[in-house]
Amino acid sequence: MTVRRILDLVLGAAGVLIVLVTAAGVLHLSRLDPAAERDRTPVTAYALRAEAPASADTAPAGGASPEDVPPSGTPAAGAHGVWRGSVDVSSDWLARVSAATDIPVRALAAYARADLAIDVEQPACGLDWNTLAAIGAIESGHGSHGGAVLGPDGRVEPEILGPVLDGNGVAAIRDTDDGAWDGDRTWDRAVGPMQFIPETWNRWGADANGDGIADPHQLDDAALAAARYLCASGPVDHPEGWRRAVFSYNHLDSYVDAVAELANRYAAAVR
């Protein structure tokens, strides 16, 4: 089965997945019995590391300084976790991987930058770009859900909003952001291409592009925030740790399976 076919199948249920559970916001909890657990999809194909440009002039400048790096498993201090390092991704790598995986170049750049940044911040985590890409694909079709467009600046327009979390078939989550990100001052809604609940964004939001705003509707920011959130569960360089991290993002075993299969396909496509 091709990456495109898997993505088509997964996105066919994306609206359901978003309704059920979003980042750190448990709406419905679905656990399988122990016998079924043995059949869970493992992550076996870890992706090759995203590549920085070969030129010394444009390669990462050593990342963030020690005082800027948050302790493992915690959000960065300061202006919503601003990334003060310097990180870029090889244009040749982006072109090659985008062609192999059908991930749009601009979206892939956001996932790859988050991969390189988290490797500087939390090298023991072991998170790779393909996991972030799989989550971004399932949550929003890489920022294309509902006809949205991912712009050259990494911002998604129109903004992608999940269902109103008013207890009507979903969890009831009262407003936590005064409507700042979801436009609703009564109830919360999951927001952006990585579908963060505002309360979660208030804690984990990142300013990856250095514009002074931690914006969940901007994919560079959202991808880095997702990387930090996933790494808070501990190292993800083995199947058990990986599944624990993705389950913390969305509390459905079927969701973890879907992310695992797509992440594996992305990794295999570029080997």
C-alpha atoms as a PDB file:
ATOM      1  CA  MET A   1       0.000   0.000   0.000  1.00  0.00           C
ATOM      2  CA  THR A   2       1.403   3.398  -0.949  1.00  0.00           C
ATOM      3  CA  VAL A   3       1.955   6.335   1.397  1.00  0.00           C
ATOM      4  CA  ARG A   4      -0.731   8.238  -0.505  1.00  0.00           C
ATOM      5  CA  ARG A   5      -3.267   5.412  -0.110  1.00  0.00           C
ATOM      6  CA  ILE A   6      -2.602   5.125   3.619  1.00  0.00           C
ATOM      7  CA  LEU A   7      -2.940   8.880   3.995  1.00  0.00           C
ATOM      8  CA  ASP A   8      -6.225   8.841   2.067  1.00  0.00           C
ATOM      9  CA  LEU A   9      -7.572   6.105   4.336  1.00  0.00           C
ATOM     10  CA  VAL A  10      -6.405   7.842   7.504  1.00  0.00           C
ATOM     11  CA  LEU A  11      -7.697  11.258   6.490  1.00  0.00           C
ATOM     12  CA  GLY A  12     -11.039   9.706   5.718  1.00  0.00           C
ATOM     13  CA  ALA A  13     -11.355   9.277   9.496  1.00  0.00           C
ATOM     14  CA  ALA A  14      -9.453  12.416  10.468  1.00  0.00           C
ATOM     15  CA  GLY A  15     -12.555  14.300  11.484  1.00  0.00           C
ATOM     16  CA  VAL A  16     -13.516  11.452  13.802  1.00  0.00           C
ATOM     17  CA  LEU A  17     -10.056  11.312  15.284  1.00  0.00           C
ATOM     18  CA  ILE A  18     -10.077  15.020  15.988  1.00  0.00           C
ATOM     19  CA  VAL A  19     -13.497  14.747  17.613  1.00  0.00           C
ATOM     20  CA  LEU A  20     -12.374  11.912  19.843  1.00  0.00           C
ATOM     21  CA  VAL A  21      -9.060  13.120  21.202  1.00  0.00           C
ATOM     22  CA  THR A  22      -6.604  15.912  20.565  1.00  0.00           C
ATOM     23  CA  ALA A  23      -3.253  16.867  22.026  1.00  0.00           C
ATOM     24  CA  ALA A  24      -3.346  16.306  25.793  1.00  0.00           C
ATOM     25  CA  GLY A  25      -7.110  16.653  25.796  1.00  0.00           C
ATOM     26  CA  VAL A  26      -8.759  13.329  26.521  1.00  0.00           C
ATOM     27  CA  LEU A  27     -12.258  13.306  25.069  1.00  0.00           C
ATOM     28  CA  HIS A  28     -12.911   9.571  24.848  1.00  0.00           C
ATOM     29  CA  LEU A  29     -10.610   6.869  26.156  1.00  0.00           C
ATOM     30  CA  SER A  30     -10.416   3.650  24.149  1.00  0.00           C
ATOM     31  CA  ARG A  31      -8.201   0.838  25.419  1.00  0.00           C
ATOM     32  CA  LEU A  32      -7.916  -2.622  23.903  1.00  0.00           C
ATOM     33  CA  ASP A  33      -7.848  -5.879  25.842  1.00  0.00           C
ATOM     34  CA  PRO A  34      -4.443  -7.498  26.570  1.00  0.00           C
ATOM     35  CA  ALA A  35      -4.807 -10.011  23.734  1.00  0.00           C
ATOM     36  CA  ALA A  36      -5.451  -7.242  21.232  1.00  0.00           C
ATOM     37  CA  GLU A  37      -2.489  -5.287  22.594  1.00  0.00           C
ATOM     38  CA  ARG A  38      -0.166  -7.936  21.192  1.00  0.00           C
ATOM     39  CA  ASP A  39      -1.314  -6.996  17.692  1.00  0.00           C
ATOM     40  CA  ARG A  40      -0.604  -3.288  18.064  1.00  0.00           C
ATOM     41  CA  THR A  41       1.463  -1.769  15.271  1.00  0.00           C
ATOM     42  CA  PRO A  42       5.072  -1.215  16.381  1.00  0.00           C
ATOM     43  CA  VAL A  43       7.298   1.478  14.991  1.00  0.00           C
ATOM     44  CA  THR A  44      10.175  -0.385  13.401  1.00  0.00           C
ATOM     45  CA  ALA A  45      11.428   1.926  10.669  1.00  0.00           C
ATOM     46  CA  TYR A  46      12.971   4.988  12.221  1.00  0.00           C
ATOM     47  CA  ALA A  47      13.629   7.685   9.664  1.00  0.00           C
ATOM     48  CA  LEU A  48      16.991   8.936   8.602  1.00  0.00           C
ATOM     49  CA  ARG A  49      17.785  12.192  10.391  1.00  0.00           C
ATOM     50  CA  ALA A  50      16.794  15.366   8.589  1.00  0.00           C
ATOM     51  CA  GLU A  51      19.828  16.984   7.015  1.00  0.00           C
ATOM     52  CA  ALA A  52      21.140  20.490   7.584  1.00  0.00           C
ATOM     53  CA  PRO A  53      22.695  22.329   4.632  1.00  0.00           C
ATOM     54  CA  ALA A  54      26.238  21.250   3.830  1.00  0.00           C
ATOM     55  CA  SER A  55      27.555  24.816   3.808  1.00  0.00           C
ATOM     56  CA  ALA A  56      29.235  25.880   7.036  1.00  0.00           C
ATOM     57  CA  ASP A  57      27.704  29.314   6.546  1.00  0.00           C
ATOM     58  CA  THR A  58      24.152  28.011   6.770  1.00  0.00           C
ATOM     59  CA  ALA A  59      24.527  24.954   8.975  1.00  0.00           C
ATOM     60  CA  PRO A  60      23.041  25.010  12.495  1.00  0.00           C
ATOM     61  CA  ALA A  61      24.986  27.414  14.676  1.00  0.00           C
ATOM     62  CA  GLY A  62      25.260  25.070  17.617  1.00  0.00           C
ATOM     63  CA  GLY A  63      21.626  25.360  18.646  1.00  0.00           C
ATOM     64  CA  ALA A  64      20.406  27.103  21.746  1.00  0.00           C
ATOM     65  CA  SER A  65      22.721  28.116  24.520  1.00  0.00           C
ATOM     66  CA  PRO A  66      22.471  26.029  27.722  1.00  0.00           C
ATOM     67  CA  GLU A  67      20.382  28.587  29.542  1.00  0.00           C
ATOM     68  CA  ASP A  68      17.864  28.561  26.684  1.00  0.00           C
ATOM     69  CA  VAL A  69      17.346  24.806  26.630  1.00  0.00           C
ATOM     70  CA  PRO A  70      14.516  23.496  28.823  1.00  0.00           C
ATOM     71  CA  PRO A  71      15.132  20.526  31.103  1.00  0.00           C
ATOM     72  CA  SER A  72      14.095  17.246  29.517  1.00  0.00           C
ATOM     73  CA  GLY A  73      10.359  16.778  29.721  1.00  0.00           C
ATOM     74  CA  THR A  74       9.457  20.393  30.449  1.00  0.00           C
ATOM     75  CA  PRO A  75       8.430  23.311  28.255  1.00  0.00           C
ATOM     76  CA  ALA A  76      10.976  26.028  27.647  1.00  0.00           C
ATOM     77  CA  ALA A  77      10.893  29.080  29.859  1.00  0.00           C
ATOM     78  CA  GLY A  78      10.367  32.565  28.523  1.00  0.00           C
ATOM     79  CA  ALA A  79       8.100  33.700  25.705  1.00  0.00           C
ATOM     80  CA  HIS A  80       6.254  30.431  25.201  1.00  0.00           C
ATOM     81  CA  GLY A  81       9.359  28.402  24.519  1.00  0.00           C
ATOM     82  CA  VAL A  82      11.058  30.608  21.955  1.00  0.00           C
ATOM     83  CA  TRP A  83      13.707  28.740  19.966  1.00  0.00           C
ATOM     84  CA  ARG A  84      16.901  30.804  20.160  1.00  0.00           C
ATOM     85  CA  GLY A  85      19.077  28.422  18.214  1.00  0.00           C
ATOM     86  CA  SER A  86      19.774  28.494  14.503  1.00  0.00           C
ATOM     87  CA  VAL A  87      18.570  25.550  12.463  1.00  0.00           C
ATOM     88  CA  ASP A  88      17.939  25.015   8.784  1.00  0.00           C
ATOM     89  CA  VAL A  89      17.222  22.065   6.536  1.00  0.00           C
ATOM     90  CA  SER A  90      18.978  21.059   3.336  1.00  0.00           C
ATOM     91  CA  SER A  91      16.945  22.061   0.284  1.00  0.00           C
ATOM     92  CA  ASP A  92      18.186  18.939  -1.509  1.00  0.00           C
ATOM     93  CA  TRP A  93      16.972  16.779   1.373  1.00  0.00           C
ATOM     94  CA  LEU A  94      13.594  18.516   1.376  1.00  0.00           C
ATOM     95  CA  ALA A  95      13.135  18.037  -2.362  1.00  0.00           C
ATOM     96  CA  ARG A  96      14.137  14.383  -2.240  1.00  0.00           C
ATOM     97  CA  VAL A  97      12.012  13.468   0.781  1.00  0.00           C
ATOM     98  CA  SER A  98       9.004  15.491  -0.352  1.00  0.00           C
ATOM     99  CA  ALA A  99       9.024  13.687  -3.699  1.00  0.00           C
ATOM    100  CA  ALA A 100       9.267  10.300  -2.002  1.00  0.00           C
ATOM    101  CA  THR A 101       6.573  10.894   0.625  1.00  0.00           C
ATOM    102  CA  ASP A 102       4.142  13.393  -0.964  1.00  0.00           C
ATOM    103  CA  ILE A 103       4.574  15.665   2.059  1.00  0.00           C
ATOM    104  CA  PRO A 104       4.436  19.299   0.869  1.00  0.00           C
ATOM    105  CA  VAL A 105       7.875  20.908   1.031  1.00  0.00           C
ATOM    106  CA  ARG A 106       6.786  23.711   3.371  1.00  0.00           C
ATOM    107  CA  ALA A 107       5.193  21.281   5.813  1.00  0.00           C
ATOM    108  CA  LEU A 108       8.169  18.928   5.635  1.00  0.00           C
ATOM    109  CA  ALA A 109      10.486  21.843   6.412  1.00  0.00           C
ATOM    110  CA  ALA A 110       8.548  22.538   9.620  1.00  0.00           C
ATOM    111  CA  TYR A 111       8.717  18.917  10.747  1.00  0.00           C
ATOM    112  CA  ALA A 112      12.400  18.613   9.862  1.00  0.00           C
ATOM    113  CA  ARG A 113      13.338  21.841  11.657  1.00  0.00           C
ATOM    114  CA  ALA A 114      11.528  20.614  14.749  1.00  0.00           C
ATOM    115  CA  ASP A 115      13.432  17.326  14.427  1.00  0.00           C
ATOM    116  CA  LEU A 116      16.793  19.100  14.296  1.00  0.00           C
ATOM    117  CA  ALA A 117      15.840  21.529  17.069  1.00  0.00           C
ATOM    118  CA  ILE A 118      14.668  18.833  19.477  1.00  0.00           C
ATOM    119  CA  ASP A 119      17.856  16.885  18.773  1.00  0.00           C
ATOM    120  CA  VAL A 120      19.776  19.890  20.128  1.00  0.00           C
ATOM    121  CA  GLU A 121      17.427  20.515  23.053  1.00  0.00           C
ATOM    122  CA  GLN A 122      16.808  16.921  24.103  1.00  0.00           C
ATOM    123  CA  PRO A 123      19.195  14.577  22.273  1.00  0.00           C
ATOM    124  CA  ALA A 124      18.174  11.620  24.426  1.00  0.00           C
ATOM    125  CA  CYS A 125      14.586  11.822  23.167  1.00  0.00           C
ATOM    126  CA  GLY A 126      15.253  10.321  19.740  1.00  0.00           C
ATOM    127  CA  LEU A 127      12.231  11.853  18.014  1.00  0.00           C
ATOM    128  CA  ASP A 128      12.346  11.945  14.207  1.00  0.00           C
ATOM    129  CA  TRP A 129      10.601  14.087  11.602  1.00  0.00           C
ATOM    130  CA  ASN A 130       8.481  11.205  10.298  1.00  0.00           C
ATOM    131  CA  THR A 131       6.516  10.950  13.548  1.00  0.00           C
ATOM    132  CA  LEU A 132       5.704  14.660  13.465  1.00  0.00           C
ATOM    133  CA  ALA A 133       4.791  14.379   9.783  1.00  0.00           C
ATOM    134  CA  ALA A 134       2.466  11.454  10.449  1.00  0.00           C
ATOM    135  CA  ILE A 135       0.709  13.381  13.221  1.00  0.00           C
ATOM    136  CA  GLY A 136       0.439  16.469  11.025  1.00  0.00           C
ATOM    137  CA  ALA A 137      -1.016  14.386   8.203  1.00  0.00           C
ATOM    138  CA  ILE A 138      -3.634  12.752  10.391  1.00  0.00           C
ATOM    139  CA  GLU A 139      -4.610  15.867  12.337  1.00  0.00           C
ATOM    140  CA  SER A 140      -4.937  18.251   9.398  1.00  0.00           C
ATOM    141  CA  GLY A 141      -3.577  16.846   6.142  1.00  0.00           C
ATOM    142  CA  HIS A 142      -0.433  18.945   6.683  1.00  0.00           C
ATOM    143  CA  GLY A 143      -2.535  22.068   7.117  1.00  0.00           C
ATOM    144  CA  SER A 144      -4.977  21.414   4.266  1.00  0.00           C
ATOM    145  CA  HIS A 145      -8.050  20.204   6.174  1.00  0.00           C
ATOM    146  CA  GLY A 146     -11.296  21.809   5.065  1.00  0.00           C
ATOM    147  CA  GLY A 147      -9.658  23.617   2.166  1.00  0.00           C
ATOM    148  CA  ALA A 148      -7.079  25.398   4.321  1.00  0.00           C
ATOM    149  CA  VAL A 149      -3.787  26.415   2.727  1.00  0.00           C
ATOM    150  CA  LEU A 150      -0.318  26.318   4.281  1.00  0.00           C
ATOM    151  CA  GLY A 151       1.352  29.566   3.257  1.00  0.00           C
ATOM    152  CA  PRO A 152       5.039  30.191   2.537  1.00  0.00           C
ATOM    153  CA  ASP A 153       5.314  31.735   6.013  1.00  0.00           C
ATOM    154  CA  GLY A 154       4.105  28.493   7.580  1.00  0.00           C
ATOM    155  CA  ARG A 155       0.750  29.869   8.661  1.00  0.00           C
ATOM    156  CA  VAL A 156      -2.459  28.021   7.841  1.00  0.00           C
ATOM    157  CA  GLU A 157      -5.381  30.000   6.443  1.00  0.00           C
ATOM    158  CA  PRO A 158      -8.231  29.768   7.091  1.00  0.00           C
ATOM    159  CA  GLU A 159      -7.448  28.592  10.592  1.00  0.00           C
ATOM    160  CA  ILE A 160      -8.256  24.954  11.324  1.00  0.00           C
ATOM    161  CA  LEU A 161     -10.559  24.517  14.317  1.00  0.00           C
ATOM    162  CA  GLY A 162     -11.830  21.304  15.847  1.00  0.00           C
ATOM    163  CA  PRO A 163     -15.390  20.834  17.104  1.00  0.00           C
ATOM    164  CA  VAL A 164     -16.714  22.922  19.970  1.00  0.00           C
ATOM    165  CA  LEU A 165     -15.914  20.979  23.146  1.00  0.00           C
ATOM    166  CA  ASP A 166     -19.263  21.605  24.791  1.00  0.00           C
ATOM    167  CA  GLY A 167     -20.029  18.099  26.066  1.00  0.00           C
ATOM    168  CA  ASN A 168     -22.365  17.306  23.175  1.00  0.00           C
ATOM    169  CA  GLY A 169     -20.854  13.994  22.078  1.00  0.00           C
ATOM    170  CA  VAL A 170     -17.394  15.209  23.066  1.00  0.00           C
ATOM    171  CA  ALA A 171     -15.707  16.264  26.279  1.00  0.00           C
ATOM    172  CA  ALA A 172     -16.807  19.480  27.929  1.00  0.00           C
ATOM    173  CA  ILE A 173     -13.817  21.812  28.170  1.00  0.00           C
ATOM    174  CA  ARG A 174     -14.596  25.346  29.283  1.00  0.00           C
ATOM    175  CA  ASP A 175     -12.751  28.208  27.635  1.00  0.00           C
ATOM    176  CA  THR A 176      -9.112  28.531  28.716  1.00  0.00           C
ATOM    177  CA  ASP A 177      -7.810  31.157  26.267  1.00  0.00           C
ATOM    178  CA  ASP A 178     -10.551  33.811  26.330  1.00  0.00           C
ATOM    179  CA  GLY A 179     -11.161  32.928  22.699  1.00  0.00           C
ATOM    180  CA  ALA A 180      -7.700  34.074  21.647  1.00  0.00           C
ATOM    181  CA  TRP A 181      -6.925  31.035  19.470  1.00  0.00           C
ATOM    182  CA  ASP A 182     -10.304  29.450  18.798  1.00  0.00           C
ATOM    183  CA  GLY A 183     -12.613  32.481  18.761  1.00  0.00           C
ATOM    184  CA  ASP A 184     -14.851  30.945  21.441  1.00  0.00           C
ATOM    185  CA  ARG A 185     -15.066  32.492  24.901  1.00  0.00           C
ATOM    186  CA  THR A 186     -17.390  29.821  26.260  1.00  0.00           C
ATOM    187  CA  TRP A 187     -15.866  26.508  25.172  1.00  0.00           C
ATOM    188  CA  ASP A 188     -12.479  25.384  23.911  1.00  0.00           C
ATOM    189  CA  ARG A 189     -11.753  23.960  20.460  1.00  0.00           C
ATOM    190  CA  ALA A 190      -8.621  22.212  19.204  1.00  0.00           C
ATOM    191  CA  VAL A 191      -6.642  24.600  17.043  1.00  0.00           C
ATOM    192  CA  GLY A 192      -4.112  24.604  14.237  1.00  0.00           C
ATOM    193  CA  PRO A 193      -2.466  22.039  11.984  1.00  0.00           C
ATOM    194  CA  MET A 194      -1.323  19.930  14.953  1.00  0.00           C
ATOM    195  CA  GLN A 195      -4.674  20.343  16.770  1.00  0.00           C
ATOM    196  CA  PHE A 196      -3.687  21.619  20.204  1.00  0.00           C
ATOM    197  CA  ILE A 197      -6.312  22.357  22.824  1.00  0.00           C
ATOM    198  CA  PRO A 198      -5.719  25.982  23.936  1.00  0.00           C
ATOM    199  CA  GLU A 199      -4.951  24.983  27.525  1.00  0.00           C
ATOM    200  CA  THR A 200      -2.245  22.634  26.259  1.00  0.00           C
ATOM    201  CA  TRP A 201      -0.908  25.319  23.954  1.00  0.00           C
ATOM    202  CA  ASN A 202      -0.738  27.761  26.843  1.00  0.00           C
ATOM    203  CA  ARG A 203       1.787  25.441  28.463  1.00  0.00           C
ATOM    204  CA  TRP A 204       3.659  23.989  25.505  1.00  0.00           C
ATOM    205  CA  GLY A 205       3.327  26.639  22.819  1.00  0.00           C
ATOM    206  CA  ALA A 206       6.574  27.373  20.979  1.00  0.00           C
ATOM    207  CA  ASP A 207       7.913  30.254  18.921  1.00  0.00           C
ATOM    208  CA  ALA A 208      10.007  28.287  16.451  1.00  0.00           C
ATOM    209  CA  ASN A 209      10.244  30.931  13.737  1.00  0.00           C
ATOM    210  CA  GLY A 210      11.377  33.708  16.069  1.00  0.00           C
ATOM    211  CA  ASP A 211       8.636  36.204  15.227  1.00  0.00           C
ATOM    212  CA  GLY A 212       7.812  36.797  18.890  1.00  0.00           C
ATOM    213  CA  ILE A 213       4.496  34.942  18.739  1.00  0.00           C
ATOM    214  CA  ALA A 214       3.823  31.353  19.770  1.00  0.00           C
ATOM    215  CA  ASP A 215       1.087  30.645  17.239  1.00  0.00           C
ATOM    216  CA  PRO A 216      -0.658  27.237  17.060  1.00  0.00           C
ATOM    217  CA  HIS A 217      -1.835  28.113  13.543  1.00  0.00           C
ATOM    218  CA  GLN A 218       1.791  28.450  12.358  1.00  0.00           C
ATOM    219  CA  LEU A 219       3.249  25.049  11.527  1.00  0.00           C
ATOM    220  CA  ASP A 220       6.858  25.723  12.569  1.00  0.00           C
ATOM    221  CA  ASP A 221       5.620  26.744  16.016  1.00  0.00           C
ATOM    222  CA  ALA A 222       3.126  23.889  16.249  1.00  0.00           C
ATOM    223  CA  ALA A 223       5.610  21.218  15.124  1.00  0.00           C
ATOM    224  CA  LEU A 224       8.228  22.244  17.686  1.00  0.00           C
ATOM    225  CA  ALA A 225       5.589  22.370  20.423  1.00  0.00           C
ATOM    226  CA  ALA A 226       4.438  18.891  19.428  1.00  0.00           C
ATOM    227  CA  ALA A 227       8.023  17.620  19.516  1.00  0.00           C
ATOM    228  CA  ARG A 228       8.561  18.972  23.023  1.00  0.00           C
ATOM    229  CA  TYR A 229       5.236  17.570  24.165  1.00  0.00           C
ATOM    230  CA  LEU A 230       6.040  14.103  22.810  1.00  0.00           C
ATOM    231  CA  CYS A 231       9.518  14.112  24.337  1.00  0.00           C
ATOM    232  CA  ALA A 232       8.045  14.909  27.751  1.00  0.00           C
ATOM    233  CA  SER A 233       7.071  11.229  27.933  1.00  0.00           C
ATOM    234  CA  GLY A 234      10.710  10.174  27.761  1.00  0.00           C
ATOM    235  CA  PRO A 235      12.872   8.652  25.023  1.00  0.00           C
ATOM    236  CA  VAL A 236      10.952   7.562  21.928  1.00  0.00           C
ATOM    237  CA  ASP A 237      13.749   5.642  20.218  1.00  0.00           C
ATOM    238  CA  HIS A 238      12.154   2.282  21.066  1.00  0.00           C
ATOM    239  CA  PRO A 239       8.624   1.064  20.290  1.00  0.00           C
ATOM    240  CA  GLU A 240       7.288   1.111  23.858  1.00  0.00           C
ATOM    241  CA  GLY A 241       8.469   4.659  24.511  1.00  0.00           C
ATOM    242  CA  TRP A 242       7.267   5.809  21.109  1.00  0.00           C
ATOM    243  CA  ARG A 243       3.783   4.406  21.622  1.00  0.00           C
ATOM    244  CA  ARG A 244       3.595   5.931  25.100  1.00  0.00           C
ATOM    245  CA  ALA A 245       4.468   9.356  23.702  1.00  0.00           C
ATOM    246  CA  VAL A 246       1.963   9.261  20.845  1.00  0.00           C
ATOM    247  CA  PHE A 247      -0.734   7.888  23.150  1.00  0.00           C
ATOM    248  CA  SER A 248      -0.149  10.896  25.409  1.00  0.00           C
ATOM    249  CA  TYR A 249      -0.845  13.120  22.391  1.00  0.00           C
ATOM    250  CA  ASN A 250      -4.096  11.371  21.546  1.00  0.00           C
ATOM    251  CA  HIS A 251      -5.564   8.769  23.870  1.00  0.00           C
ATOM    252  CA  LEU A 252      -6.660   6.186  21.321  1.00  0.00           C
ATOM    253  CA  ASP A 253      -4.775   3.017  20.477  1.00  0.00           C
ATOM    254  CA  SER A 254      -6.226   3.153  16.968  1.00  0.00           C
ATOM    255  CA  TYR A 255      -4.776   6.647  16.587  1.00  0.00           C
ATOM    256  CA  VAL A 256      -1.349   5.441  17.708  1.00  0.00           C
ATOM    257  CA  ASP A 257      -1.598   2.594  15.194  1.00  0.00           C
ATOM    258  CA  ALA A 258      -2.450   5.003  12.380  1.00  0.00           C
ATOM    259  CA  VAL A 259       0.461   7.289  13.248  1.00  0.00           C
ATOM    260  CA  ALA A 260       2.801   4.300  13.502  1.00  0.00           C
ATOM    261  CA  GLU A 261       1.844   2.929  10.112  1.00  0.00           C
ATOM    262  CA  LEU A 262       2.178   6.267   8.372  1.00  0.00           C
ATOM    263  CA  ALA A 263       5.441   7.131  10.160  1.00  0.00           C
ATOM    264  CA  ASN A 264       6.855   3.762   9.113  1.00  0.00           C
ATOM    265  CA  ARG A 265       5.794   4.342   5.517  1.00  0.00           C
ATOM    266  CA  TYR A 266       7.380   7.777   5.455  1.00  0.00           C
ATOM    267  CA  ALA A 267      10.621   6.350   6.818  1.00  0.00           C
ATOM    268  CA  ALA A 268      10.643   3.436   4.395  1.00  0.00           C
ATOM    269  CA  ALA A 269       9.988   5.737   1.440  1.00  0.00           C
ATOM    270  CA  VAL A 270      13.307   7.527   1.869  1.00  0.00           C
ATOM    271  CA  ARG A 271      15.575   4.635   2.786  1.00  0.00           C
END
